[in-house]
Protein backbone atom coordinates (compact mmCIF):
# COMPACT_ATOMS: atom_id res chain seq x y z
CA MET A 1 94.29 -18.05 153.95
CA ARG A 2 96.78 -18.99 156.61
CA ASN A 3 98.77 -22.18 157.24
CA MET A 4 98.68 -23.82 160.60
CA THR A 5 99.23 -27.16 162.36
CA PHE A 6 96.20 -29.02 163.68
CA ALA A 7 96.97 -28.02 167.29
CA GLN A 8 97.65 -24.43 166.34
CA ALA A 9 94.27 -24.16 164.55
CA ILE A 10 92.40 -25.34 167.61
CA GLU A 11 94.19 -22.92 169.85
CA ASP A 12 93.75 -20.02 167.44
CA SER A 13 90.06 -20.75 167.15
CA LEU A 14 89.81 -20.89 170.99
CA ALA A 15 91.53 -17.50 171.22
CA TYR A 16 89.12 -16.05 168.65
CA ALA A 17 86.10 -17.33 170.64
CA MET A 18 87.53 -16.08 173.97
CA GLU A 19 88.18 -12.68 172.53
CA LYS A 20 84.62 -12.43 171.20
CA ASP A 21 82.82 -13.82 174.21
CA SER A 22 83.91 -13.28 177.74
CA ARG A 23 81.83 -16.25 178.94
CA VAL A 24 84.27 -18.71 177.23
CA ILE A 25 86.73 -20.22 179.73
CA ILE A 26 89.12 -23.15 179.74
CA LEU A 27 89.67 -25.54 182.63
CA GLY A 28 91.60 -28.73 183.13
CA GLU A 29 94.77 -30.33 184.35
CA ASP A 30 97.91 -28.21 183.64
CA VAL A 31 96.12 -25.98 181.14
CA HIS A 32 98.21 -23.06 182.41
CA MET A 33 101.17 -24.81 180.82
CA LEU A 34 99.43 -26.67 177.99
CA ARG A 35 97.66 -23.45 176.84
CA VAL A 36 100.35 -20.99 177.94
CA ASN A 37 99.61 -18.50 175.20
CA LEU A 38 95.97 -18.40 176.17
CA PHE A 39 96.92 -18.25 179.82
CA SER A 40 99.22 -15.29 179.18
CA ARG A 41 96.64 -13.54 177.17
CA PHE A 42 93.44 -14.12 179.11
CA GLY A 43 94.73 -14.78 182.61
CA LYS A 44 94.12 -17.35 185.34
CA GLU A 45 90.49 -16.50 185.79
CA ARG A 46 89.67 -17.70 182.25
CA VAL A 47 92.34 -20.41 181.88
CA ARG A 48 91.94 -22.36 185.10
CA SER A 49 94.24 -25.11 186.09
CA THR A 50 92.44 -27.86 188.08
CA PRO A 51 93.41 -30.74 190.35
CA ILE A 52 93.92 -34.21 188.78
CA SER A 53 90.31 -35.19 189.18
CA GLU A 54 88.26 -35.48 186.01
CA SER A 55 85.03 -36.08 187.98
CA ALA A 56 85.52 -32.91 190.01
CA PHE A 57 86.42 -30.39 187.21
CA LEU A 58 84.00 -31.84 184.72
CA GLY A 59 81.20 -31.64 187.32
CA ALA A 60 82.27 -28.09 187.93
CA ALA A 61 82.21 -27.37 184.20
CA VAL A 62 78.62 -28.66 183.96
CA SER A 63 77.62 -26.33 186.81
CA ALA A 64 79.51 -23.42 185.23
CA ALA A 65 77.73 -23.91 181.94
CA MET A 66 74.34 -23.99 183.61
CA SER A 67 75.25 -20.77 185.44
CA GLY A 68 75.86 -18.85 182.21
CA LEU A 69 79.48 -19.57 181.26
CA ARG A 70 80.67 -21.46 178.19
CA PRO A 71 83.45 -23.73 179.47
CA VAL A 72 85.92 -25.80 177.47
CA ALA A 73 86.94 -28.60 179.84
CA GLU A 74 90.09 -30.49 178.76
CA ILE A 75 90.30 -34.22 179.47
CA MET A 76 93.87 -35.21 178.58
CA MET A 77 92.79 -38.52 177.06
CA VAL A 78 89.24 -39.56 176.16
CA ASP A 79 89.88 -42.78 178.03
CA PHE A 80 89.83 -40.87 181.27
CA ILE A 81 86.33 -39.53 180.56
CA ALA A 82 85.09 -42.77 182.06
CA VAL A 83 86.09 -41.34 185.47
CA ALA A 84 83.71 -38.43 184.96
CA VAL A 85 81.01 -40.01 182.84
CA ASP A 86 78.22 -39.37 185.35
CA ALA A 87 78.51 -35.64 184.88
CA LEU A 88 78.12 -36.08 181.05
CA ILE A 89 75.66 -38.94 180.70
CA ASN A 90 73.36 -38.42 183.69
CA HIS A 91 73.45 -34.65 183.88
CA ALA A 92 74.81 -32.57 180.94
CA ALA A 93 73.13 -34.69 178.33
CA LYS A 94 69.71 -34.69 180.05
CA VAL A 95 69.25 -31.19 181.46
CA ASP A 96 67.71 -29.74 178.28
CA GLY A 97 65.28 -32.62 177.89
CA PHE A 98 64.31 -32.69 181.52
CA THR A 99 63.56 -28.97 181.66
CA ASN A 100 62.13 -28.57 178.17
CA GLY A 101 64.95 -26.25 177.24
CA LYS A 102 64.64 -23.93 180.26
CA TRP A 103 68.14 -25.06 181.33
CA GLN A 104 70.99 -25.77 179.02
CA VAL A 105 74.55 -26.91 179.22
CA PRO A 106 76.79 -25.10 176.64
CA LEU A 107 79.87 -27.21 177.41
CA VAL A 108 82.76 -28.37 175.27
CA VAL A 109 84.76 -31.45 176.45
CA ARG A 110 88.09 -31.50 174.53
CA ALA A 111 89.68 -34.88 174.70
CA ALA A 112 92.70 -36.45 172.87
CA CYS A 113 91.98 -39.87 171.44
CA GLY A 114 93.32 -42.56 169.10
CA GLY A 115 96.24 -44.91 168.83
CA GLY A 116 99.17 -45.83 166.56
CA TYR A 117 102.09 -45.19 168.93
CA GLY A 118 102.13 -48.12 171.43
CA ASP A 119 100.47 -47.00 174.54
CA GLY A 120 97.84 -49.68 175.02
CA GLY A 121 94.10 -49.85 175.44
CA GLN A 122 93.83 -47.62 178.49
CA HIS A 123 95.27 -44.62 176.58
CA GLU A 124 94.55 -45.20 172.88
CA GLN A 125 90.75 -45.62 172.57
CA CYS A 126 88.49 -43.46 170.53
CA LEU A 127 85.16 -44.02 172.27
CA TRP A 128 83.21 -41.62 170.08
CA GLY A 129 80.69 -44.23 169.17
CA TRP A 130 79.97 -44.92 172.88
CA LEU A 131 79.59 -41.19 173.58
CA ALA A 132 77.44 -40.57 170.49
CA HIS A 133 75.10 -43.31 171.74
CA ILE A 134 73.78 -40.93 174.46
CA PRO A 135 70.92 -38.60 173.34
CA GLY A 136 71.79 -35.03 174.16
CA LEU A 137 75.53 -35.36 173.47
CA SER A 138 77.14 -34.11 170.26
CA VAL A 139 80.46 -35.59 169.16
CA VAL A 140 82.77 -34.12 166.56
CA VAL A 141 86.10 -35.56 165.18
CA PRO A 142 88.05 -33.24 162.82
CA SER A 143 90.62 -34.62 160.37
CA ASN A 144 92.46 -31.45 159.28
CA PRO A 145 93.34 -28.01 160.70
CA GLY A 146 90.70 -26.03 158.92
CA ASP A 147 87.88 -28.24 160.15
CA ALA A 148 89.45 -28.46 163.62
CA GLY A 149 89.25 -24.76 164.17
CA GLY A 150 85.84 -24.35 162.56
CA LEU A 151 84.33 -27.26 164.51
CA MET A 152 85.75 -25.95 167.83
CA LEU A 153 84.12 -22.60 167.14
CA ALA A 154 80.84 -24.30 166.33
CA ALA A 155 81.09 -26.51 169.45
CA ILE A 156 81.56 -23.42 171.66
CA LYS A 157 78.47 -21.79 170.18
CA GLU A 158 76.30 -24.89 170.80
CA ASN A 159 73.83 -24.72 173.56
CA GLY A 160 74.33 -28.24 174.51
CA PRO A 161 77.35 -30.47 175.46
CA VAL A 162 79.79 -31.30 172.72
CA ILE A 163 82.63 -33.88 172.93
CA PHE A 164 85.56 -32.58 170.69
CA CYS A 165 87.78 -35.56 169.89
CA GLU A 166 91.32 -34.61 168.82
CA HIS A 167 93.33 -37.48 167.40
CA LYS A 168 96.83 -37.60 168.81
CA LEU A 169 98.49 -38.47 165.58
CA LEU A 170 97.38 -35.14 164.06
CA ALA A 171 98.42 -32.89 166.89
CA ASP A 172 102.15 -31.87 166.87
CA TYR A 173 102.46 -31.28 170.64
CA TRP A 174 101.13 -34.78 171.33
CA LEU A 175 103.63 -36.31 168.91
CA ASP A 176 106.43 -34.42 170.70
CA TYR A 177 105.26 -35.79 174.06
CA LEU A 178 104.66 -39.32 172.86
CA GLY A 179 108.09 -39.51 171.32
CA SER A 180 109.85 -38.30 174.48
CA GLY A 181 111.01 -40.04 177.69
CA GLY A 182 113.18 -42.68 175.95
CA ARG A 183 110.64 -43.30 173.20
CA ASP A 184 112.62 -41.52 170.50
CA THR A 185 112.78 -44.72 168.42
CA VAL A 186 108.94 -44.91 168.18
CA SER A 187 107.71 -44.13 164.75
CA PHE A 188 104.33 -42.71 163.94
CA SER A 189 102.29 -43.03 160.70
CA VAL A 190 101.24 -39.37 160.67
CA PRO A 191 99.02 -38.12 157.85
CA GLU A 192 100.79 -34.92 156.72
CA GLN A 193 97.67 -33.32 155.20
CA GLY A 194 95.93 -33.75 158.56
CA GLN A 195 98.77 -32.40 160.62
CA ARG A 196 99.19 -29.06 158.75
CA GLY A 197 97.02 -27.17 156.32
CA ALA A 198 95.13 -24.08 155.23
CA VAL A 199 92.84 -22.32 157.64
CA PRO A 200 90.72 -19.24 156.98
CA ASP A 201 91.91 -15.75 157.87
CA THR A 202 88.90 -15.30 160.09
CA TRP A 203 87.30 -18.35 161.81
CA GLU A 204 83.80 -19.33 160.87
CA ALA A 205 81.87 -22.16 162.52
CA VAL A 206 81.68 -25.39 160.65
CA PRO A 207 78.18 -26.68 161.22
CA LEU A 208 77.81 -29.82 163.21
CA GLY A 209 76.24 -32.73 161.24
CA ARG A 210 77.55 -31.89 157.80
CA ALA A 211 79.87 -34.39 156.22
CA LYS A 212 82.29 -33.47 153.48
CA ILE A 213 82.98 -35.36 150.25
CA LEU A 214 86.82 -35.28 149.69
CA ARG A 215 86.84 -37.50 146.62
CA ASP A 216 84.15 -38.49 144.15
CA GLY A 217 84.03 -41.89 142.55
CA SER A 218 81.37 -44.17 141.07
CA ASP A 219 82.36 -47.68 142.37
CA ILE A 220 82.46 -47.57 146.14
CA THR A 221 81.76 -45.20 148.99
CA ILE A 222 84.31 -45.09 151.87
CA VAL A 223 83.14 -43.30 154.95
CA SER A 224 85.47 -42.37 157.85
CA VAL A 225 86.47 -39.84 160.42
CA GLY A 226 89.65 -38.41 161.97
CA VAL A 227 92.88 -40.17 160.99
CA GLY A 228 90.77 -42.82 159.19
CA VAL A 229 89.94 -40.20 156.54
CA HIS A 230 93.57 -40.01 155.51
CA ARG A 231 93.98 -43.75 155.47
CA SER A 232 90.96 -43.90 153.30
CA LEU A 233 92.27 -41.33 150.86
CA GLU A 234 95.58 -43.23 150.66
CA ALA A 235 93.56 -46.42 149.90
CA ALA A 236 91.56 -44.64 147.22
CA VAL A 237 94.67 -43.78 145.31
CA LEU A 238 95.83 -47.35 145.42
CA LEU A 239 92.41 -48.63 144.35
CA ASP A 240 92.69 -46.29 141.34
CA ASN A 241 95.46 -48.61 140.13
CA ASN A 242 92.79 -51.35 139.91
CA ASN A 243 90.43 -49.02 138.02
CA ILE A 244 88.25 -48.71 141.13
CA ARG A 245 86.89 -45.21 141.64
CA SER A 246 86.14 -44.32 145.27
CA THR A 247 84.03 -41.71 146.96
CA VAL A 248 85.68 -40.69 150.30
CA ILE A 249 83.40 -39.04 152.89
CA ASP A 250 84.76 -37.26 155.93
CA LEU A 251 81.95 -37.37 158.53
CA ARG A 252 83.50 -34.62 160.71
CA SER A 253 80.61 -34.99 163.06
CA ILE A 254 79.38 -38.30 164.47
CA ALA A 255 76.45 -36.95 166.48
CA PRO A 256 74.62 -35.45 164.67
CA LEU A 257 75.32 -37.81 161.78
CA ASP A 258 74.99 -36.69 158.18
CA ALA A 259 73.11 -39.74 157.02
CA GLU A 260 71.73 -37.91 154.01
CA CYS A 261 75.22 -37.37 152.52
CA ILE A 262 76.09 -41.03 153.03
CA CYS A 263 72.82 -42.35 151.61
CA LYS A 264 73.03 -40.06 148.51
CA SER A 265 76.47 -41.48 147.64
CA VAL A 266 75.73 -45.09 148.47
CA ALA A 267 72.54 -44.99 146.34
CA GLN A 268 74.92 -44.41 143.40
CA THR A 269 77.84 -46.66 144.20
CA LYS A 270 75.88 -49.53 145.82
CA ARG A 271 78.92 -50.46 147.92
CA LEU A 272 79.69 -49.01 151.37
CA LEU A 273 82.92 -49.36 153.36
CA VAL A 274 83.10 -47.77 156.87
CA VAL A 275 86.59 -47.15 158.30
CA ASP A 276 86.38 -46.57 162.01
CA GLU A 277 89.22 -46.65 164.59
CA ASP A 278 86.65 -47.03 167.36
CA TYR A 279 85.28 -50.43 168.40
CA GLU A 280 83.41 -52.47 165.83
CA GLN A 281 80.77 -53.98 168.14
CA PHE A 282 77.60 -51.79 168.68
CA GLY A 283 79.42 -48.77 167.18
CA LEU A 284 79.45 -46.18 164.42
CA SER A 285 79.98 -48.71 161.57
CA GLY A 286 76.75 -50.55 162.48
CA GLU A 287 74.83 -47.37 162.90
CA ILE A 288 75.79 -46.18 159.43
CA ALA A 289 74.76 -49.47 157.88
CA ALA A 290 71.44 -49.27 159.75
CA ARG A 291 70.75 -45.75 158.47
CA VAL A 292 71.40 -46.78 154.88
CA LEU A 293 69.18 -49.90 155.09
CA GLU A 294 66.33 -47.91 156.69
CA ASN A 295 66.44 -45.73 153.62
CA GLN A 296 65.62 -48.82 151.50
CA ILE A 297 69.04 -48.77 149.81
CA THR A 298 70.47 -52.21 148.91
CA ILE A 299 74.23 -52.35 149.24
CA LYS A 300 77.29 -54.53 149.53
CA TYR A 301 78.76 -53.59 152.96
CA GLY A 302 82.07 -53.88 154.72
CA ARG A 303 83.88 -52.33 157.62
CA VAL A 304 87.49 -51.88 158.90
CA CYS A 305 87.33 -51.21 162.62
CA THR A 306 89.02 -51.94 165.94
CA LYS A 307 87.70 -55.30 167.03
CA THR A 308 89.36 -55.89 170.37
CA THR A 309 91.28 -54.23 173.22
CA ILE A 310 94.28 -52.41 171.89
CA PRO A 311 97.49 -54.22 172.94
CA TYR A 312 100.78 -52.54 173.97
CA SER A 313 102.90 -54.46 171.53
CA ARG A 314 103.36 -52.31 168.43
CA LYS A 315 103.19 -55.36 166.12
CA LEU A 316 100.01 -56.51 167.68
CA GLU A 317 98.64 -52.94 167.75
CA ASP A 318 99.26 -52.57 164.06
CA GLU A 319 97.36 -55.75 163.47
CA THR A 320 94.46 -54.45 165.55
CA LEU A 321 93.97 -50.89 164.24
CA PRO A 322 92.58 -49.92 160.79
CA SER A 323 95.29 -49.46 158.09
CA THR A 324 95.45 -48.50 154.47
CA GLU A 325 96.25 -52.15 153.52
CA LYS A 326 93.11 -53.41 155.31
CA ILE A 327 90.92 -50.77 153.62
CA VAL A 328 92.25 -51.70 150.19
CA ASN A 329 91.76 -55.46 150.76
CA THR A 330 88.27 -55.05 152.11
CA ALA A 331 87.31 -52.73 149.24
CA LEU A 332 88.64 -55.29 146.66
CA LEU A 333 86.42 -57.97 148.29
CA LEU A 334 83.40 -55.66 148.06
CA MET A 335 84.14 -55.16 144.31
CA LYS A 336 83.92 -58.88 143.61
CA ASP A 337 80.60 -59.93 142.06
């Protein structure tokens, strides 16, 4: 096993995929600088810097995928995907269905997401629930380096479009950037276990749609993704002090969703708490509740999500986003008879 940061694991997995398959290319704004090691190794034909036009280069990436390449298109922040959503929602997601599989779009869209550093609701959204709402789009959100590299490799191997959401509080190069430019007093609540960890000596794909149980308990099931997984693990330790044993599930993949794993755990604990940094309304938390109820499982249910537009004020932002304290308090309410 090797030890890498979250960002290093993704880049190492990309290098592995590019070495094995000449069809894998990277394109996006400033990727010749952001991915300088890959640029130096594979050259400008396979690491292609684009103009600042998400709609243009994502549209080009869809065409390139349909023509036989396997592009990894980098959107700097998932918020900016709205500029190019037509290429994803009306084209990439539908080609396979419209052509009965004769045409496919093996495309990865890598996008940074998430808040917790004071940049407001135009730069800190998650949006994975919105994207997962579209049939034909897969959405993955890793929480640690090992899964990040394995999910990236799996995403590249998929024959359909995959949105790869990379939380900024886990990526060291994002933290360096976010703390620069006069913002050196800004503090981040960074989960250390997510930012650096063990990765395999040789990358293997982590299958999409398979959740992972990180902690097993009999009283309550806590389900989350990305940074929320680490907040949930912190909360589980605090709940132990109240003799409450928590199961913590890392979804890893939102679409496809591992409802079987969730239902199996909730059938035993009878309590479900969903922690989701994405928006509460019409989102992942409601979908999970629906899947459980459709399986005829009676539960006590709670959720800790982002309920409104993320404000710029750090104090207001902290009140808006999920936190370990909110998870603990909601779990304690669910434990009351």
